[in-house]
């Protein structure tokens, strides 16, 4: 059975760094699941890390061009197929929860053209209400392993602030919106998703614990 590893969680939890380490150990390649990182440029503003392993779906859209969840899912599936054909492990990594959910649990309306008025209406809905509107697909859950990274809020906020300072020092000119609020929304979204094995990103044994889980999953 083809395997797919998904590493998700809020911003500043070290998802890409961990994914890169796992890719080296497990003969894998990364697929970015970040709605902002798909656009060309603005590397510092979008925290676009460039590890020394192959990563797909960076810099695939020019600023101002239309790019939807549907577009991303189609490209992600092509990347996954290419990686698996070469007997490597696809590792989807990112914090865009809707992208990941649409990939793992496809819903019927994903390919419908955007409705601007509907989008404006949906922006007023709560996360719970939006999730109840999503139709769950029938993809076999044994096809993938989901890993989530999180931390207690004080530790997470400090990581976010430290990352922000580092990016400013490197020359970031456009300061992103409230990253603390974004992280809280991401945590709320992912906590509602089933089948995620959660790890504390501040744990000194993080990499070892993840590898242990994956080795056992491979045996199963």
C-alpha atoms as a PDB file:
ATOM      1  CA  UNK A   1       0.000   0.000   0.000  1.00  0.00           C
ATOM      2  CA  UNK A   2       1.294   3.441  -0.879  1.00  0.00           C
ATOM      3  CA  UNK A   3       2.040   5.525   2.193  1.00  0.00           C
ATOM      4  CA  UNK A   4       1.585   9.244   2.711  1.00  0.00           C
ATOM      5  CA  UNK A   5       2.929  11.155   5.707  1.00  0.00           C
ATOM      6  CA  UNK A   6       1.278  14.425   6.742  1.00  0.00           C
ATOM      7  CA  UNK A   7       2.930  16.857   9.167  1.00  0.00           C
ATOM      8  CA  UNK A   8       0.595  19.641  10.232  1.00  0.00           C
ATOM      9  CA  UNK A   9       0.153  22.181  12.987  1.00  0.00           C
ATOM     10  CA  UNK A  10       0.302  25.909  13.719  1.00  0.00           C
ATOM     11  CA  UNK A  11       2.997  28.288  12.578  1.00  0.00           C
ATOM     12  CA  UNK A  12       6.469  28.248  14.189  1.00  0.00           C
ATOM     13  CA  UNK A  13       6.320  24.638  15.386  1.00  0.00           C
ATOM     14  CA  UNK A  14       9.204  23.515  13.168  1.00  0.00           C
ATOM     15  CA  UNK A  15       7.160  21.429  10.734  1.00  0.00           C
ATOM     16  CA  UNK A  16       9.426  21.901   7.721  1.00  0.00           C
ATOM     17  CA  UNK A  17      12.623  21.281   9.678  1.00  0.00           C
ATOM     18  CA  UNK A  18      11.241  18.036  11.084  1.00  0.00           C
ATOM     19  CA  UNK A  19       9.869  17.005   7.689  1.00  0.00           C
ATOM     20  CA  UNK A  20      13.275  17.562   6.087  1.00  0.00           C
ATOM     21  CA  UNK A  21      14.982  15.364   8.688  1.00  0.00           C
ATOM     22  CA  UNK A  22      12.394  12.631   8.191  1.00  0.00           C
ATOM     23  CA  UNK A  23      12.732  12.866   4.414  1.00  0.00           C
ATOM     24  CA  UNK A  24      16.433  12.090   4.705  1.00  0.00           C
ATOM     25  CA  UNK A  25      15.852   9.133   6.999  1.00  0.00           C
ATOM     26  CA  UNK A  26      12.813   7.720   5.210  1.00  0.00           C
ATOM     27  CA  UNK A  27      13.757   8.441   1.576  1.00  0.00           C
ATOM     28  CA  UNK A  28      11.066  11.055   1.150  1.00  0.00           C
ATOM     29  CA  UNK A  29      10.271  14.324  -0.582  1.00  0.00           C
ATOM     30  CA  UNK A  30       8.241  17.239   0.773  1.00  0.00           C
ATOM     31  CA  UNK A  31       5.028  18.765  -0.554  1.00  0.00           C
ATOM     32  CA  UNK A  32       4.175  22.207   0.807  1.00  0.00           C
ATOM     33  CA  UNK A  33       0.607  22.608   2.094  1.00  0.00           C
ATOM     34  CA  UNK A  34       0.769  26.333   2.704  1.00  0.00           C
ATOM     35  CA  UNK A  35      -1.538  28.655   0.785  1.00  0.00           C
ATOM     36  CA  UNK A  36       0.923  31.559   0.952  1.00  0.00           C
ATOM     37  CA  UNK A  37       4.041  29.646  -0.032  1.00  0.00           C
ATOM     38  CA  UNK A  38       2.550  28.643  -3.370  1.00  0.00           C
ATOM     39  CA  UNK A  39       3.110  32.213  -4.590  1.00  0.00           C
ATOM     40  CA  UNK A  40       6.382  33.364  -6.141  1.00  0.00           C
ATOM     41  CA  UNK A  41       8.531  35.572  -3.918  1.00  0.00           C
ATOM     42  CA  UNK A  42       7.985  36.980  -0.416  1.00  0.00           C
ATOM     43  CA  UNK A  43      10.050  34.196   1.110  1.00  0.00           C
ATOM     44  CA  UNK A  44      10.577  35.943   4.448  1.00  0.00           C
ATOM     45  CA  UNK A  45       6.985  37.133   4.802  1.00  0.00           C
ATOM     46  CA  UNK A  46       5.623  33.636   4.203  1.00  0.00           C
ATOM     47  CA  UNK A  47       8.439  31.929   6.150  1.00  0.00           C
ATOM     48  CA  UNK A  48       9.334  29.905   3.079  1.00  0.00           C
ATOM     49  CA  UNK A  49      12.110  27.622   4.291  1.00  0.00           C
ATOM     50  CA  UNK A  50      14.307  25.923   1.717  1.00  0.00           C
ATOM     51  CA  UNK A  51      15.718  22.705   3.212  1.00  0.00           C
ATOM     52  CA  UNK A  52      18.308  20.647   1.386  1.00  0.00           C
ATOM     53  CA  UNK A  53      15.699  18.101   0.292  1.00  0.00           C
ATOM     54  CA  UNK A  54      13.269  18.379  -2.599  1.00  0.00           C
ATOM     55  CA  UNK A  55      10.102  20.305  -1.801  1.00  0.00           C
ATOM     56  CA  UNK A  56       7.145  20.582  -4.173  1.00  0.00           C
ATOM     57  CA  UNK A  57       4.576  23.375  -4.668  1.00  0.00           C
ATOM     58  CA  UNK A  58       6.728  26.345  -3.737  1.00  0.00           C
ATOM     59  CA  UNK A  59       6.637  29.313  -6.174  1.00  0.00           C
ATOM     60  CA  UNK A  60       4.051  27.861  -8.550  1.00  0.00           C
ATOM     61  CA  UNK A  61       1.734  30.893  -8.856  1.00  0.00           C
ATOM     62  CA  UNK A  62       2.469  34.531  -9.675  1.00  0.00           C
ATOM     63  CA  UNK A  63       1.080  37.191  -7.322  1.00  0.00           C
ATOM     64  CA  UNK A  64      -2.425  38.218  -8.348  1.00  0.00           C
ATOM     65  CA  UNK A  65      -3.225  34.962 -10.135  1.00  0.00           C
ATOM     66  CA  UNK A  66      -6.213  32.879  -9.081  1.00  0.00           C
ATOM     67  CA  UNK A  67      -5.217  29.886  -6.957  1.00  0.00           C
ATOM     68  CA  UNK A  68      -7.712  27.779  -5.035  1.00  0.00           C
ATOM     69  CA  UNK A  69      -7.834  24.680  -2.872  1.00  0.00           C
ATOM     70  CA  UNK A  70      -8.920  22.781  -5.973  1.00  0.00           C
ATOM     71  CA  UNK A  71      -5.799  23.867  -7.873  1.00  0.00           C
ATOM     72  CA  UNK A  72      -3.557  22.860  -4.982  1.00  0.00           C
ATOM     73  CA  UNK A  73      -5.157  19.433  -4.500  1.00  0.00           C
ATOM     74  CA  UNK A  74      -4.739  18.564  -8.191  1.00  0.00           C
ATOM     75  CA  UNK A  75      -1.062  19.543  -8.116  1.00  0.00           C
ATOM     76  CA  UNK A  76      -0.472  17.783  -4.796  1.00  0.00           C
ATOM     77  CA  UNK A  77      -1.952  14.550  -6.153  1.00  0.00           C
ATOM     78  CA  UNK A  78       0.324  14.739  -9.198  1.00  0.00           C
ATOM     79  CA  UNK A  79       3.327  15.277  -6.929  1.00  0.00           C
ATOM     80  CA  UNK A  80       2.332  12.386  -4.665  1.00  0.00           C
ATOM     81  CA  UNK A  81       1.934  10.083  -7.665  1.00  0.00           C
ATOM     82  CA  UNK A  82       5.340  11.085  -9.037  1.00  0.00           C
ATOM     83  CA  UNK A  83       7.067  10.557  -5.686  1.00  0.00           C
ATOM     84  CA  UNK A  84       5.435   7.191  -5.080  1.00  0.00           C
ATOM     85  CA  UNK A  85       6.302   5.962  -8.581  1.00  0.00           C
ATOM     86  CA  UNK A  86       9.938   6.479  -7.656  1.00  0.00           C
ATOM     87  CA  UNK A  87       9.423   4.411  -4.482  1.00  0.00           C
ATOM     88  CA  UNK A  88       9.829   7.409  -2.218  1.00  0.00           C
ATOM     89  CA  UNK A  89       7.683   8.653   0.649  1.00  0.00           C
ATOM     90  CA  UNK A  90       5.568  11.784   0.006  1.00  0.00           C
ATOM     91  CA  UNK A  91       5.568  14.051   3.065  1.00  0.00           C
ATOM     92  CA  UNK A  92       2.885  16.744   3.025  1.00  0.00           C
ATOM     93  CA  UNK A  93       3.857  19.552   5.388  1.00  0.00           C
ATOM     94  CA  UNK A  94       2.077  22.786   6.217  1.00  0.00           C
ATOM     95  CA  UNK A  95      -0.418  24.733   8.258  1.00  0.00           C
ATOM     96  CA  UNK A  96      -3.212  25.287   5.732  1.00  0.00           C
ATOM     97  CA  UNK A  97      -5.752  22.960   7.291  1.00  0.00           C
ATOM     98  CA  UNK A  98      -8.316  23.181   4.512  1.00  0.00           C
ATOM     99  CA  UNK A  99      -5.698  22.162   1.929  1.00  0.00           C
ATOM    100  CA  UNK A 100      -4.800  19.064   3.912  1.00  0.00           C
ATOM    101  CA  UNK A 101      -8.405  18.141   4.646  1.00  0.00           C
ATOM    102  CA  UNK A 102      -9.348  18.557   0.975  1.00  0.00           C
ATOM    103  CA  UNK A 103      -6.508  16.222   0.002  1.00  0.00           C
ATOM    104  CA  UNK A 104      -7.336  13.499   2.524  1.00  0.00           C
ATOM    105  CA  UNK A 105     -11.122  13.884   2.668  1.00  0.00           C
ATOM    106  CA  UNK A 106     -12.240  15.180  -0.755  1.00  0.00           C
ATOM    107  CA  UNK A 107     -15.576  16.974  -0.790  1.00  0.00           C
ATOM    108  CA  UNK A 108     -17.992  17.252  -3.696  1.00  0.00           C
ATOM    109  CA  UNK A 109     -17.846  21.018  -4.137  1.00  0.00           C
ATOM    110  CA  UNK A 110     -14.063  21.369  -4.395  1.00  0.00           C
ATOM    111  CA  UNK A 111     -14.049  21.945  -8.167  1.00  0.00           C
ATOM    112  CA  UNK A 112     -16.927  24.424  -8.302  1.00  0.00           C
ATOM    113  CA  UNK A 113     -15.740  27.868  -9.527  1.00  0.00           C
ATOM    114  CA  UNK A 114     -15.410  30.493  -6.756  1.00  0.00           C
ATOM    115  CA  UNK A 115     -18.518  32.379  -5.723  1.00  0.00           C
ATOM    116  CA  UNK A 116     -17.445  35.788  -4.413  1.00  0.00           C
ATOM    117  CA  UNK A 117     -20.708  36.536  -2.590  1.00  0.00           C
ATOM    118  CA  UNK A 118     -20.706  33.102  -0.963  1.00  0.00           C
ATOM    119  CA  UNK A 119     -17.108  33.562   0.157  1.00  0.00           C
ATOM    120  CA  UNK A 120     -18.003  36.850   1.839  1.00  0.00           C
ATOM    121  CA  UNK A 121     -20.854  35.119   3.649  1.00  0.00           C
ATOM    122  CA  UNK A 122     -18.725  32.151   4.742  1.00  0.00           C
ATOM    123  CA  UNK A 123     -16.109  34.465   6.245  1.00  0.00           C
ATOM    124  CA  UNK A 124     -18.622  35.279   8.999  1.00  0.00           C
ATOM    125  CA  UNK A 125     -19.116  31.604   9.958  1.00  0.00           C
ATOM    126  CA  UNK A 126     -17.379  29.915  12.889  1.00  0.00           C
ATOM    127  CA  UNK A 127     -14.881  27.097  12.375  1.00  0.00           C
ATOM    128  CA  UNK A 128     -17.356  24.568  13.803  1.00  0.00           C
ATOM    129  CA  UNK A 129     -20.094  25.649  11.394  1.00  0.00           C
ATOM    130  CA  UNK A 130     -17.765  25.471   8.404  1.00  0.00           C
ATOM    131  CA  UNK A 131     -16.559  22.001   9.366  1.00  0.00           C
ATOM    132  CA  UNK A 132     -20.115  20.734   9.688  1.00  0.00           C
ATOM    133  CA  UNK A 133     -20.725  21.861   6.102  1.00  0.00           C
ATOM    134  CA  UNK A 134     -17.872  19.761   4.721  1.00  0.00           C
ATOM    135  CA  UNK A 135     -18.874  16.400   3.221  1.00  0.00           C
ATOM    136  CA  UNK A 136     -16.465  13.707   4.297  1.00  0.00           C
ATOM    137  CA  UNK A 137     -15.036  11.567   1.498  1.00  0.00           C
ATOM    138  CA  UNK A 138     -14.404   7.830   1.544  1.00  0.00           C
ATOM    139  CA  UNK A 139     -10.624   7.753   1.176  1.00  0.00           C
ATOM    140  CA  UNK A 140      -9.123   4.805   3.038  1.00  0.00           C
ATOM    141  CA  UNK A 141      -7.629   6.190   6.259  1.00  0.00           C
ATOM    142  CA  UNK A 142      -4.973   3.494   6.369  1.00  0.00           C
ATOM    143  CA  UNK A 143      -3.330   5.136   3.354  1.00  0.00           C
ATOM    144  CA  UNK A 144      -1.744   7.882   5.429  1.00  0.00           C
ATOM    145  CA  UNK A 145      -0.218   8.799   8.783  1.00  0.00           C
ATOM    146  CA  UNK A 146      -1.015  12.244  10.206  1.00  0.00           C
ATOM    147  CA  UNK A 147       1.470  13.924  12.580  1.00  0.00           C
ATOM    148  CA  UNK A 148       0.646  17.153  14.377  1.00  0.00           C
ATOM    149  CA  UNK A 149       3.078  19.497  16.108  1.00  0.00           C
ATOM    150  CA  UNK A 150       1.942  21.798  18.889  1.00  0.00           C
ATOM    151  CA  UNK A 151       3.139  23.407  22.118  1.00  0.00           C
ATOM    152  CA  UNK A 152       1.626  25.122  25.163  1.00  0.00           C
ATOM    153  CA  UNK A 153       0.482  28.595  24.101  1.00  0.00           C
ATOM    154  CA  UNK A 154       3.174  30.543  26.040  1.00  0.00           C
ATOM    155  CA  UNK A 155       5.916  28.439  24.441  1.00  0.00           C
ATOM    156  CA  UNK A 156       4.267  28.697  21.026  1.00  0.00           C
ATOM    157  CA  UNK A 157       3.976  32.485  21.266  1.00  0.00           C
ATOM    158  CA  UNK A 158       7.652  32.745  22.183  1.00  0.00           C
ATOM    159  CA  UNK A 159       8.626  30.620  19.191  1.00  0.00           C
ATOM    160  CA  UNK A 160       6.504  32.817  16.943  1.00  0.00           C
ATOM    161  CA  UNK A 161       8.049  36.003  18.320  1.00  0.00           C
ATOM    162  CA  UNK A 162      11.584  34.608  18.000  1.00  0.00           C
ATOM    163  CA  UNK A 163      10.906  33.598  14.386  1.00  0.00           C
ATOM    164  CA  UNK A 164       9.488  37.031  13.654  1.00  0.00           C
ATOM    165  CA  UNK A 165      12.560  38.793  15.067  1.00  0.00           C
ATOM    166  CA  UNK A 166      14.850  36.542  13.038  1.00  0.00           C
ATOM    167  CA  UNK A 167      12.968  37.270   9.811  1.00  0.00           C
ATOM    168  CA  UNK A 168      13.028  41.018  10.496  1.00  0.00           C
ATOM    169  CA  UNK A 169      16.778  40.853  11.040  1.00  0.00           C
ATOM    170  CA  UNK A 170      17.115  39.112   7.688  1.00  0.00           C
ATOM    171  CA  UNK A 171      15.351  41.997   5.990  1.00  0.00           C
ATOM    172  CA  UNK A 172      11.640  41.225   6.057  1.00  0.00           C
ATOM    173  CA  UNK A 173       9.882  44.453   5.084  1.00  0.00           C
ATOM    174  CA  UNK A 174       6.209  43.506   5.230  1.00  0.00           C
ATOM    175  CA  UNK A 175       5.222  42.470   8.750  1.00  0.00           C
ATOM    176  CA  UNK A 176       2.617  39.651   8.689  1.00  0.00           C
ATOM    177  CA  UNK A 177      -0.688  40.071  10.492  1.00  0.00           C
ATOM    178  CA  UNK A 178      -1.169  38.872  14.052  1.00  0.00           C
ATOM    179  CA  UNK A 179       0.686  35.572  14.011  1.00  0.00           C
ATOM    180  CA  UNK A 180      -0.532  34.663  17.501  1.00  0.00           C
ATOM    181  CA  UNK A 181      -4.154  34.817  16.323  1.00  0.00           C
ATOM    182  CA  UNK A 182      -3.305  32.816  13.193  1.00  0.00           C
ATOM    183  CA  UNK A 183      -1.691  30.121  15.328  1.00  0.00           C
ATOM    184  CA  UNK A 184      -4.750  29.905  17.592  1.00  0.00           C
ATOM    185  CA  UNK A 185      -7.038  29.503  14.578  1.00  0.00           C
ATOM    186  CA  UNK A 186      -4.773  26.785  13.173  1.00  0.00           C
ATOM    187  CA  UNK A 187      -4.801  24.938  16.494  1.00  0.00           C
ATOM    188  CA  UNK A 188      -8.603  25.156  16.663  1.00  0.00           C
ATOM    189  CA  UNK A 189      -8.894  23.736  13.148  1.00  0.00           C
ATOM    190  CA  UNK A 190      -6.488  20.846  13.615  1.00  0.00           C
ATOM    191  CA  UNK A 191      -7.871  19.879  17.033  1.00  0.00           C
ATOM    192  CA  UNK A 192     -11.168  19.135  15.299  1.00  0.00           C
ATOM    193  CA  UNK A 193      -9.540  16.754  12.817  1.00  0.00           C
ATOM    194  CA  UNK A 194      -9.480  13.050  13.600  1.00  0.00           C
ATOM    195  CA  UNK A 195      -6.573  10.657  13.323  1.00  0.00           C
ATOM    196  CA  UNK A 196      -3.737  13.081  14.162  1.00  0.00           C
ATOM    197  CA  UNK A 197      -0.907  11.864  16.411  1.00  0.00           C
ATOM    198  CA  UNK A 198       0.109  14.948  18.383  1.00  0.00           C
ATOM    199  CA  UNK A 199       3.643  15.747  19.501  1.00  0.00           C
ATOM    200  CA  UNK A 200       5.033  18.601  21.591  1.00  0.00           C
ATOM    201  CA  UNK A 201       7.427  20.448  19.282  1.00  0.00           C
ATOM    202  CA  UNK A 202       9.467  21.614  22.304  1.00  0.00           C
ATOM    203  CA  UNK A 203      10.232  18.056  23.433  1.00  0.00           C
ATOM    204  CA  UNK A 204      13.941  17.123  23.287  1.00  0.00           C
ATOM    205  CA  UNK A 205      12.934  13.632  22.136  1.00  0.00           C
ATOM    206  CA  UNK A 206      10.601  14.821  19.373  1.00  0.00           C
ATOM    207  CA  UNK A 207      12.466  13.337  16.417  1.00  0.00           C
ATOM    208  CA  UNK A 208      13.064  10.032  18.194  1.00  0.00           C
ATOM    209  CA  UNK A 209       9.408   9.740  19.237  1.00  0.00           C
ATOM    210  CA  UNK A 210       8.171  10.458  15.712  1.00  0.00           C
ATOM    211  CA  UNK A 211      10.547   7.926  14.162  1.00  0.00           C
ATOM    212  CA  UNK A 212       9.428   5.323  16.692  1.00  0.00           C
ATOM    213  CA  UNK A 213       5.770   5.860  15.758  1.00  0.00           C
ATOM    214  CA  UNK A 214       6.505   5.716  12.024  1.00  0.00           C
ATOM    215  CA  UNK A 215       8.569   2.538  12.286  1.00  0.00           C
ATOM    216  CA  UNK A 216       5.710   0.809  14.074  1.00  0.00           C
ATOM    217  CA  UNK A 217       3.208   2.134  11.558  1.00  0.00           C
ATOM    218  CA  UNK A 218       5.297   0.678   8.719  1.00  0.00           C
ATOM    219  CA  UNK A 219       5.261  -2.727  10.399  1.00  0.00           C
ATOM    220  CA  UNK A 220       1.475  -2.617  10.650  1.00  0.00           C
END
